[in-house]
Protein backbone atom coordinates (compact mmCIF):
# COMPACT_ATOMS: atom_id res chain seq x y z
CA UNK A 1 -22.94 30.81 -5.46
CA UNK A 2 -19.65 32.36 -4.84
CA UNK A 3 -18.18 31.68 -1.35
CA UNK A 4 -18.38 34.63 1.23
CA UNK A 5 -15.13 35.50 0.76
CA UNK A 6 -15.02 36.54 -3.28
CA UNK A 7 -13.64 32.95 -3.72
CA UNK A 8 -14.21 30.28 -5.77
CA UNK A 9 -17.31 27.64 -4.46
CA UNK A 10 -15.85 24.98 -2.46
CA UNK A 11 -16.50 21.86 -4.18
CA UNK A 12 -19.92 19.38 -2.26
CA UNK A 13 -17.61 16.34 -0.38
CA UNK A 14 -18.03 13.04 -1.26
CA UNK A 15 -19.48 10.54 1.46
CA UNK A 16 -16.12 9.73 1.17
CA UNK A 17 -13.51 8.98 4.72
CA UNK A 18 -9.66 9.13 2.94
CA UNK A 19 -7.54 6.46 5.53
CA UNK A 20 -4.43 7.36 5.78
CA UNK A 21 -1.23 5.58 7.40
CA UNK A 22 2.13 7.34 8.30
CA UNK A 23 5.41 7.96 9.98
CA UNK A 24 8.00 10.61 8.89
CA UNK A 25 6.35 10.95 5.39
CA UNK A 26 6.87 14.43 5.66
CA UNK A 27 8.10 14.23 2.12
CA UNK A 28 5.01 13.53 0.24
CA UNK A 29 2.01 14.13 3.39
CA UNK A 30 1.01 17.59 1.44
CA UNK A 31 1.00 16.22 -1.90
CA UNK A 32 -1.87 13.15 -0.54
CA UNK A 33 -3.59 15.36 1.66
CA UNK A 34 -4.45 18.14 -1.12
CA UNK A 35 -5.70 15.43 -3.14
CA UNK A 36 -8.21 14.27 -1.24
CA UNK A 37 -10.26 18.02 -0.15
CA UNK A 38 -13.34 16.45 -2.12
CA UNK A 39 -13.43 13.54 1.23
CA UNK A 40 -16.01 14.51 3.76
CA UNK A 41 -13.60 12.98 6.35
CA UNK A 42 -9.37 11.80 5.88
CA UNK A 43 -8.16 9.44 8.98
CA UNK A 44 -4.46 10.00 10.03
CA UNK A 45 -2.81 7.56 12.35
CA UNK A 46 0.66 7.91 13.18
CA UNK A 47 3.17 5.54 14.57
CA UNK A 48 5.76 8.59 16.27
CA UNK A 49 6.58 10.99 13.32
CA UNK A 50 10.02 12.51 15.05
CA UNK A 51 9.86 14.57 11.66
CA UNK A 52 7.22 17.70 10.13
CA UNK A 53 4.41 14.99 9.21
CA UNK A 54 2.66 16.05 12.35
CA UNK A 55 3.30 20.10 12.30
CA UNK A 56 2.17 19.65 8.10
CA UNK A 57 -1.21 17.60 8.99
CA UNK A 58 -1.77 20.15 11.68
CA UNK A 59 -1.19 22.31 9.04
CA UNK A 60 -4.22 21.37 6.42
CA UNK A 61 -6.68 21.15 9.21
CA UNK A 62 -6.61 24.33 10.25
CA UNK A 63 -6.69 24.85 6.70
CA UNK A 64 -10.55 23.90 6.68
CA UNK A 65 -9.56 19.76 5.97
CA UNK A 66 -11.65 17.51 6.90
CA UNK A 67 -8.75 16.08 8.79
CA UNK A 68 -9.09 13.98 12.21
CA UNK A 69 -4.97 12.59 13.30
CA UNK A 70 -5.15 10.29 15.84
CA UNK A 71 -1.65 8.90 16.47
CA UNK A 72 -1.26 4.72 17.41
CA UNK A 73 2.04 2.68 18.63
CA UNK A 74 3.10 0.75 15.40
CA UNK A 75 1.13 -3.39 15.24
CA UNK A 76 2.27 -3.94 12.17
CA UNK A 77 0.89 -2.90 8.23
CA UNK A 78 -2.66 -5.61 8.83
CA UNK A 79 -3.20 -4.37 11.89
CA UNK A 80 -2.65 -0.49 11.65
CA UNK A 81 -4.29 -0.12 8.66
CA UNK A 82 -7.58 -1.37 9.79
CA UNK A 83 -7.13 0.72 13.53
CA UNK A 84 -7.82 3.80 10.55
CA UNK A 85 -10.31 1.59 8.91
CA UNK A 86 -11.92 1.14 11.67
CA UNK A 87 -12.32 4.57 12.46
CA UNK A 88 -14.13 5.74 9.77
CA UNK A 89 -17.72 7.59 9.60
CA UNK A 90 -18.80 7.35 5.84
CA UNK A 91 -20.25 5.70 4.39
CA UNK A 92 -17.93 4.80 2.03
CA UNK A 93 -13.64 4.25 2.32
CA UNK A 94 -10.96 5.56 0.70
CA UNK A 95 -7.32 3.33 1.41
CA UNK A 96 -4.10 5.04 0.88
CA UNK A 97 -0.85 5.65 1.58
CA UNK A 98 1.07 8.46 2.43
CA UNK A 99 3.53 8.52 -0.65
CA UNK A 100 0.41 8.35 -2.73
CA UNK A 101 -2.43 10.94 -4.01
CA UNK A 102 -5.52 10.90 -5.93
CA UNK A 103 -4.88 12.45 -9.73
CA UNK A 104 -7.59 14.82 -10.80
CA UNK A 105 -9.25 12.10 -13.46
CA UNK A 106 -9.87 10.37 -11.11
CA UNK A 107 -11.33 12.98 -8.45
CA UNK A 108 -13.58 13.49 -11.56
CA UNK A 109 -14.80 9.83 -11.60
CA UNK A 110 -15.55 9.33 -7.82
CA UNK A 111 -18.83 11.26 -7.43
CA UNK A 112 -20.37 9.23 -10.29
CA UNK A 113 -19.20 5.96 -8.95
CA UNK A 114 -19.73 7.04 -5.60
CA UNK A 115 -23.51 8.30 -6.50
CA UNK A 116 -24.12 5.35 -8.81
CA UNK A 117 -27.37 2.61 -8.31
CA UNK A 118 -25.75 -0.31 -8.61
CA UNK A 119 -22.69 0.33 -7.15
CA UNK A 120 -20.65 -2.57 -6.30
CA UNK A 121 -19.65 -3.19 -2.00
CA UNK A 122 -16.13 -2.34 -3.43
CA UNK A 123 -13.59 -0.59 -6.18
CA UNK A 124 -10.26 -0.86 -7.49
CA UNK A 125 -8.12 1.90 -9.20
CA UNK A 126 -5.73 1.93 -11.54
CA UNK A 127 -1.52 2.67 -9.49
CA UNK A 128 1.18 4.10 -10.89
CA UNK A 129 4.65 5.47 -9.49
CA UNK A 130 7.53 7.45 -10.53
CA UNK A 131 11.06 6.61 -11.38
CA UNK A 132 14.02 7.90 -9.92
CA UNK A 133 15.95 9.33 -12.40
CA UNK A 134 13.23 10.71 -14.28
CA UNK A 135 11.39 14.57 -14.98
CA UNK A 136 8.80 14.79 -12.30
CA UNK A 137 5.15 13.75 -12.98
CA UNK A 138 6.79 11.51 -15.77
CA UNK A 139 4.15 8.02 -14.81
CA UNK A 140 5.37 4.37 -15.71
CA UNK A 141 2.37 1.64 -16.88
CA UNK A 142 -0.25 1.37 -14.18
CA UNK A 143 -0.63 -1.59 -11.62
CA UNK A 144 -1.39 -4.77 -13.40
CA UNK A 145 -3.60 -6.31 -11.71
CA UNK A 146 -5.75 -2.69 -10.68
CA UNK A 147 -5.26 -1.71 -7.04
CA UNK A 148 -8.56 -2.33 -4.05
CA UNK A 149 -9.24 0.99 -2.48
CA UNK A 150 -12.15 2.47 -1.94
CA UNK A 151 -15.10 0.14 -0.02
CA UNK A 152 -18.22 0.83 1.33
CA UNK A 153 -17.61 0.62 5.55
CA UNK A 154 -18.68 -2.55 6.88
CA UNK A 155 -18.06 -4.48 3.88
CA UNK A 156 -14.24 -5.06 3.90
CA UNK A 157 -11.35 -5.71 6.37
CA UNK A 158 -7.44 -5.71 6.39
CA UNK A 159 -5.83 -9.52 6.35
CA UNK A 160 -4.61 -8.93 9.82
CA UNK A 161 -2.55 -12.95 9.26
CA UNK A 162 -0.46 -10.98 7.09
CA UNK A 163 2.42 -8.86 7.58
CA UNK A 164 3.20 -7.14 4.52
CA UNK A 165 1.57 -6.60 1.08
CA UNK A 166 -1.89 -6.16 3.33
CA UNK A 167 -4.61 -6.03 1.24
CA UNK A 168 -8.74 -5.89 1.41
CA UNK A 169 -10.98 -8.92 2.06
CA UNK A 170 -14.45 -7.37 0.32
CA UNK A 171 -17.60 -9.82 1.14
CA UNK A 172 -19.09 -8.48 -1.88
CA UNK A 173 -18.78 -7.15 -5.62
CA UNK A 174 -15.69 -5.50 -6.45
CA UNK A 175 -15.42 -2.90 -9.49
CA UNK A 176 -13.39 -0.88 -10.99
CA UNK A 177 -13.31 2.72 -11.74
CA UNK A 178 -11.51 2.97 -15.31
CA UNK A 179 -10.47 6.86 -14.99
CA UNK A 180 -7.49 8.03 -13.47
CA UNK A 181 -6.04 6.45 -10.71
CA UNK A 182 -3.32 6.58 -7.95
CA UNK A 183 -0.46 7.63 -8.27
CA UNK A 184 3.01 6.70 -6.07
CA UNK A 185 5.71 9.59 -5.63
CA UNK A 186 8.02 9.45 -4.28
CA UNK A 187 10.79 7.47 -6.75
CA UNK A 188 13.74 6.46 -3.79
CA UNK A 189 17.21 6.46 -4.74
CA UNK A 190 18.47 2.43 -5.33
CA UNK A 191 20.16 2.09 -1.46
CA UNK A 192 17.16 3.53 0.47
CA UNK A 193 14.83 1.46 -2.37
CA UNK A 194 16.52 -1.46 -1.70
CA UNK A 195 16.89 -1.65 2.10
CA UNK A 196 12.29 -0.45 1.79
CA UNK A 197 12.42 -4.12 -1.07
CA UNK A 198 15.06 -5.81 2.25
CA UNK A 199 12.48 -5.26 4.44
CA UNK A 200 9.31 -5.87 3.20
CA UNK A 201 10.88 -9.90 1.96
CA UNK A 202 12.52 -10.15 5.56
CA UNK A 203 8.04 -9.66 6.47
CA UNK A 204 7.25 -11.57 3.65
CA UNK A 205 9.21 -14.25 4.31
CA UNK A 206 8.37 -15.35 8.08
CA UNK A 207 5.06 -14.76 7.04
CA UNK A 208 5.32 -18.35 4.90
CA UNK A 209 7.68 -19.68 7.46
CA UNK A 210 4.96 -18.85 10.00
CA UNK A 211 2.41 -20.07 7.82
CA UNK A 212 4.82 -23.33 7.55
CA UNK A 213 4.96 -23.29 3.51
CA UNK A 214 8.65 -24.47 2.35
CA UNK A 215 10.38 -23.54 0.37
CA UNK A 216 10.67 -24.57 -3.15
CA UNK A 217 14.09 -24.10 -4.74
CA UNK A 218 12.26 -23.58 -8.65
CA UNK A 219 11.13 -20.53 -7.50
CA UNK A 220 14.26 -19.47 -5.79
CA UNK A 221 15.68 -20.30 -9.57
CA UNK A 222 12.96 -18.93 -12.33
CA UNK A 223 10.85 -16.35 -9.39
CA UNK A 224 13.64 -13.49 -9.51
CA UNK A 225 14.35 -13.35 -13.71
CA UNK A 226 9.75 -13.93 -14.31
CA UNK A 227 9.75 -10.98 -11.71
CA UNK A 228 12.32 -8.87 -13.87
CA UNK A 229 11.09 -9.79 -17.24
CA UNK A 230 7.49 -10.06 -16.22
CA UNK A 231 8.45 -5.96 -15.11
CA UNK A 232 10.78 -4.65 -17.68
CA UNK A 233 8.36 -6.09 -20.48
CA UNK A 234 5.21 -6.46 -19.20
CA UNK A 235 4.26 -3.03 -17.93
CA UNK A 236 7.08 -2.43 -20.63
CA UNK A 237 9.73 -0.09 -18.67
CA UNK A 238 11.75 -0.42 -21.15
CA UNK A 239 10.45 2.50 -22.37
CA UNK A 240 12.56 4.88 -19.83
CA UNK A 241 16.10 3.33 -20.09
CA UNK A 242 18.03 3.68 -16.80
CA UNK A 243 14.97 4.33 -14.48
CA UNK A 244 13.32 1.34 -16.07
CA UNK A 245 15.80 -1.25 -16.47
CA UNK A 246 17.37 -0.10 -11.99
CA UNK A 247 13.29 -0.86 -11.18
CA UNK A 248 12.75 -4.03 -12.98
CA UNK A 249 15.91 -5.65 -10.92
CA UNK A 250 15.55 -3.80 -7.70
CA UNK A 251 12.06 -5.40 -8.15
CA UNK A 252 13.68 -8.98 -8.85
CA UNK A 253 15.88 -8.31 -6.30
CA UNK A 254 13.11 -8.62 -3.59
CA UNK A 255 11.83 -11.25 -5.71
CA UNK A 256 15.54 -13.52 -4.61
CA UNK A 257 15.82 -12.23 -1.38
CA UNK A 258 11.82 -13.60 -0.24
CA UNK A 259 12.96 -16.90 -1.73
CA UNK A 260 16.68 -17.23 -0.28
CA UNK A 261 15.40 -15.77 3.35
CA UNK A 262 11.99 -18.36 2.94
CA UNK A 263 14.44 -20.94 2.27
CA UNK A 264 17.25 -19.62 5.11
CA UNK A 265 14.46 -19.50 7.48
CA UNK A 266 12.92 -22.11 6.69
CA UNK A 267 15.80 -24.74 7.12
CA UNK A 268 16.33 -22.00 11.04
CA UNK A 269 13.44 -23.48 12.17
CA UNK A 270 13.94 -27.00 11.24
CA UNK A 271 16.69 -26.87 12.57
CA UNK A 272 15.77 -26.00 15.66
CA UNK A 273 12.70 -28.21 16.33
CA UNK A 274 14.96 -31.08 15.47
CA UNK A 275 16.98 -29.72 18.15
CA UNK A 276 14.15 -29.54 20.87
CA UNK A 277 13.19 -33.50 20.43
CA UNK A 278 15.05 -35.34 22.82
CA UNK A 279 16.56 -38.50 20.77
CA UNK A 280 14.03 -41.31 21.71
CA UNK A 281 10.69 -39.10 21.83
CA UNK A 282 8.62 -41.34 19.61
CA UNK A 283 9.86 -45.37 20.66
CA UNK A 284 7.85 -47.03 22.23
CA UNK A 285 8.35 -47.08 26.58
CA UNK A 286 10.08 -50.85 27.37
């Protein structure tokens, strides 16, 4: 069936809400939204963008994309993603970052996955990314394990205790979509990437200390090189020359900072606890 304006027929919308959180994402939010044209609803939660992010989102809404833009002060990663998840009105919700996009193969696979009679309560998908210095569109190996992103509304929530690397917790069965995946399409230069890694590592170390987890010298010694080896050889980053080596080394640096900060923050918390404890605490009264 042809559209009244003579254009090609519009694809039927899928019963799915795409949930996005963002701030100052003008470089990539357009590609993300453009890949979500088949969604019946797109929820964008912005936490105070000062660049053109909001203008771009509104431009897509004017073009007819079913965008719902909500502004919400930043409460943390997990809480902001849960806020976006709670705004969804469709039977299925796809949680996607502003610097990611759904590739064509996954987009073609989604209708069958959503309509399957024996569909699980959530789906994992492959996640790939580009690296700084590689030709546009050249992707590295898929993530291991796959990334849990597509869930039935009301059957999943984010772990609100997580300060970083927040994940969906599913009440029900989990399946996989083998075709296609999501692409992180914002390769960062090393200085920008390291600033991001240090920010995430700091949150991870703080989360561990607040949970009462003791640091491990063995992890400090062996996790960083292990991280490098898993990425460089396990994900076959060696195929991508210097770009692959730098990316694997950056991951190892993240691991080192997270383990080192965990040790330092733990020691500092122990010192504060000792300083606040009276010297005669615990002694029997006379």
